[in-house]
Protein backbone atom coordinates (compact mmCIF):
# COMPACT_ATOMS: atom_id res chain seq x y z
CA UNK A 1 103.10 15.36 140.63
CA UNK A 2 106.86 15.17 141.11
CA UNK A 3 109.05 16.90 138.53
CA UNK A 4 112.61 15.96 137.65
CA UNK A 5 113.80 19.13 139.43
CA UNK A 6 113.68 19.67 143.19
CA UNK A 7 110.81 21.82 144.41
CA UNK A 8 111.83 25.02 146.23
CA UNK A 9 111.10 23.54 149.67
CA UNK A 10 113.19 20.46 148.80
CA UNK A 11 116.01 22.66 147.50
CA UNK A 12 116.03 24.59 150.78
CA UNK A 13 116.65 21.32 152.65
CA UNK A 14 119.80 20.56 150.63
CA UNK A 15 121.71 23.14 152.68
CA UNK A 16 123.44 25.04 149.88
CA UNK A 17 125.57 28.04 150.87
CA UNK A 18 123.46 30.24 148.61
CA UNK A 19 120.56 29.67 146.25
CA UNK A 20 119.48 32.47 143.94
CA UNK A 21 116.09 32.92 142.32
CA UNK A 22 114.96 30.63 139.52
CA UNK A 23 117.39 27.80 140.37
CA UNK A 24 116.62 24.32 139.02
CA UNK A 25 118.54 21.36 140.46
CA UNK A 26 117.78 17.84 139.25
CA UNK A 27 116.71 15.44 141.93
CA UNK A 28 119.29 13.08 140.36
CA UNK A 29 122.22 15.48 140.82
CA UNK A 30 124.70 14.79 143.64
CA UNK A 31 126.04 17.69 145.70
CA UNK A 32 128.81 16.95 148.24
CA UNK A 33 129.48 19.52 150.97
CA UNK A 34 126.55 21.67 149.82
CA UNK A 35 127.19 24.38 152.43
CA UNK A 36 130.22 25.38 150.36
CA UNK A 37 128.33 25.46 147.02
CA UNK A 38 126.97 28.87 146.02
CA UNK A 39 124.45 29.30 143.19
CA UNK A 40 123.46 32.58 141.54
CA UNK A 41 120.12 33.27 139.86
CA UNK A 42 118.71 31.18 137.00
CA UNK A 43 121.09 28.24 137.38
CA UNK A 44 120.11 24.84 135.99
CA UNK A 45 121.88 21.64 137.09
CA UNK A 46 120.73 18.66 135.08
CA UNK A 47 120.44 14.94 135.78
CA UNK A 48 123.48 13.04 137.06
CA UNK A 49 125.67 16.09 137.60
CA UNK A 50 128.18 15.82 140.43
CA UNK A 51 129.48 18.82 142.37
CA UNK A 52 131.98 18.28 145.16
CA UNK A 53 133.05 21.33 147.16
CA UNK A 54 136.07 21.38 149.42
CA UNK A 55 136.07 22.49 153.05
CA UNK A 56 138.30 25.50 152.45
CA UNK A 57 137.51 26.61 148.89
CA UNK A 58 133.96 26.99 147.57
CA UNK A 59 132.34 26.11 144.28
CA UNK A 60 130.74 29.38 143.15
CA UNK A 61 128.38 29.36 140.19
CA UNK A 62 127.20 32.68 138.73
CA UNK A 63 123.82 33.53 137.21
CA UNK A 64 122.28 32.16 134.00
CA UNK A 65 124.53 29.11 134.12
CA UNK A 66 123.75 25.63 132.80
CA UNK A 67 125.46 22.38 133.82
CA UNK A 68 124.38 19.68 131.37
CA UNK A 69 123.80 16.03 132.25
CA UNK A 70 126.72 13.99 133.59
CA UNK A 71 129.01 16.99 134.05
CA UNK A 72 131.20 16.96 137.17
CA UNK A 73 132.91 19.68 139.19
CA UNK A 74 135.56 18.41 141.63
CA UNK A 75 136.08 21.56 143.66
CA UNK A 76 138.49 20.75 146.50
CA UNK A 77 140.75 23.56 145.28
CA UNK A 78 137.90 25.92 144.42
CA UNK A 79 135.95 26.48 141.21
CA UNK A 80 134.31 29.67 139.95
CA UNK A 81 131.90 29.71 137.01
CA UNK A 82 130.99 33.18 135.69
CA UNK A 83 127.61 34.42 134.53
CA UNK A 84 126.16 33.05 131.27
CA UNK A 85 128.50 30.05 131.37
CA UNK A 86 127.53 26.72 129.78
CA UNK A 87 129.11 23.38 130.65
CA UNK A 88 128.12 20.65 128.17
CA UNK A 89 127.38 16.98 128.84
CA UNK A 90 130.10 14.82 130.39
CA UNK A 91 132.52 17.70 130.91
CA UNK A 92 134.71 17.29 133.99
CA UNK A 93 136.38 20.13 135.90
CA UNK A 94 139.17 19.17 138.31
CA UNK A 95 140.68 21.49 140.90
CA UNK A 96 142.71 18.58 142.31
CA UNK A 97 144.60 15.85 140.52
CA UNK A 98 147.07 13.08 141.28
CA UNK A 99 150.71 13.26 140.18
CA UNK A 100 151.02 10.72 137.36
CA UNK A 101 154.83 10.96 137.02
CA UNK A 102 155.58 7.92 139.17
CA UNK A 103 157.30 10.07 141.79
CA UNK A 104 154.29 9.58 144.07
CA UNK A 105 151.61 7.01 144.73
CA UNK A 106 148.09 7.79 143.55
CA UNK A 107 144.47 7.52 144.65
CA UNK A 108 142.57 8.63 147.75
CA UNK A 109 142.99 5.28 149.51
CA UNK A 110 146.74 5.97 149.98
CA UNK A 111 147.81 8.26 152.88
CA UNK A 112 148.57 11.83 151.76
CA UNK A 113 152.27 11.60 152.77
CA UNK A 114 152.78 9.15 149.88
CA UNK A 115 150.88 11.10 147.23
CA UNK A 116 151.65 14.29 145.32
CA UNK A 117 148.16 15.64 144.79
CA UNK A 118 148.08 18.95 142.92
CA UNK A 119 145.43 21.39 144.14
CA UNK A 120 144.77 24.67 142.33
CA UNK A 121 141.65 26.76 141.71
CA UNK A 122 139.82 26.78 138.39
CA UNK A 123 138.23 29.93 137.03
CA UNK A 124 135.77 29.86 134.14
CA UNK A 125 134.75 33.32 132.99
CA UNK A 126 131.57 34.97 131.78
CA UNK A 127 130.03 33.80 128.50
CA UNK A 128 132.25 30.72 128.36
CA UNK A 129 130.87 27.61 126.71
CA UNK A 130 132.67 24.28 127.13
CA UNK A 131 131.91 21.50 124.64
CA UNK A 132 130.88 17.97 125.53
CA UNK A 133 133.29 15.56 127.22
CA UNK A 134 136.01 18.15 127.74
CA UNK A 135 138.40 17.90 130.70
CA UNK A 136 139.59 20.97 132.59
CA UNK A 137 142.66 20.52 134.81
CA UNK A 138 143.64 22.22 138.11
CA UNK A 139 144.92 25.78 137.89
CA UNK A 140 143.14 26.51 134.62
CA UNK A 141 141.71 29.93 133.82
CA UNK A 142 139.27 30.11 130.92
CA UNK A 143 138.89 33.83 130.34
CA UNK A 144 135.67 35.66 129.48
CA UNK A 145 134.09 34.91 126.13
CA UNK A 146 135.97 31.71 125.29
CA UNK A 147 134.42 28.70 123.65
CA UNK A 148 136.03 25.28 123.99
CA UNK A 149 135.34 22.54 121.47
CA UNK A 150 134.10 19.08 122.44
CA UNK A 151 136.63 16.51 123.68
CA UNK A 152 139.23 19.16 124.55
CA UNK A 153 141.85 18.93 127.30
CA UNK A 154 142.14 22.36 128.90
CA UNK A 155 145.04 23.53 131.07
CA UNK A 156 146.76 26.83 131.77
CA UNK A 157 145.27 30.16 130.72
CA UNK A 158 142.95 30.58 127.76
CA UNK A 159 143.05 34.21 126.67
CA UNK A 160 139.72 36.10 126.32
CA UNK A 161 137.37 35.83 123.38
CA UNK A 162 138.92 32.86 121.65
CA UNK A 163 137.68 29.63 120.14
CA UNK A 164 139.80 26.78 121.50
CA UNK A 165 139.93 23.06 120.86
CA UNK A 166 142.11 19.98 120.89
CA UNK A 167 144.39 17.97 123.18
CA UNK A 168 145.76 20.12 124.64
CA UNK A 169 143.35 22.91 123.76
CA UNK A 170 144.83 25.61 121.50
CA UNK A 171 143.41 28.87 120.18
CA UNK A 172 141.87 28.35 116.76
CA UNK A 173 140.44 31.81 116.08
CA UNK A 174 138.76 34.81 117.69
CA UNK A 175 135.19 34.59 118.97
CA UNK A 176 132.60 37.23 118.16
CA UNK A 177 131.68 39.68 120.91
CA UNK A 178 128.22 40.28 119.47
CA UNK A 179 126.77 38.27 122.33
CA UNK A 180 127.60 41.20 124.64
CA UNK A 181 125.00 43.28 122.76
CA UNK A 182 122.56 40.41 123.15
CA UNK A 183 123.33 40.32 126.89
CA UNK A 184 122.43 44.03 127.20
CA UNK A 185 119.13 43.49 125.38
CA UNK A 186 118.38 40.40 127.49
CA UNK A 187 119.06 42.22 130.76
CA UNK A 188 116.97 45.24 129.69
CA UNK A 189 114.07 42.93 128.88
CA UNK A 190 114.44 41.02 132.16
CA UNK A 191 114.49 44.31 134.08
CA UNK A 192 111.34 45.53 132.33
CA UNK A 193 109.59 42.26 133.22
CA UNK A 194 110.63 42.64 136.86
CA UNK A 195 112.83 39.55 136.72
CA UNK A 196 115.89 41.43 138.05
CA UNK A 197 116.46 43.22 141.34
């Protein structure tokens, strides 16, 4: 019986740069340039996700990370997702973007000498959760412990342990660090069960 996730032997044939233990990748996900996509342990990539890695900069996904359905990572400029990160449905992360000012032409069908494409890495820290249908622009750093509300436009640097939301996303309040105690308990339990190296 075929499941909605690739079996381990099927996953090995995808040609990912790294695949940790306990990885689940939907058979309906699309992975471009898989040799430059690196997955930690216990990663789940749901239906209709799209991950595009560049030739020079990888897409690196930590451990205990979830990419919900229809999320997309455009990683030409490099994307890093830290451990315990959650990307909600229809969220899009761009590490490249056209110049919309009118000073340049746009779209990939126009030769590069006429375009002003911006390319910059995106870093999403540990314990970050990004709400549904958010957009993250090139050069963004979402620091550890941040949560981003649904439908947010994220650019620049989000300082650690904040709750952010809006267009553009702004800090609304501090986020509790109690989840760090939960992480310690979780890791202790996983170690006792032999689930960690």
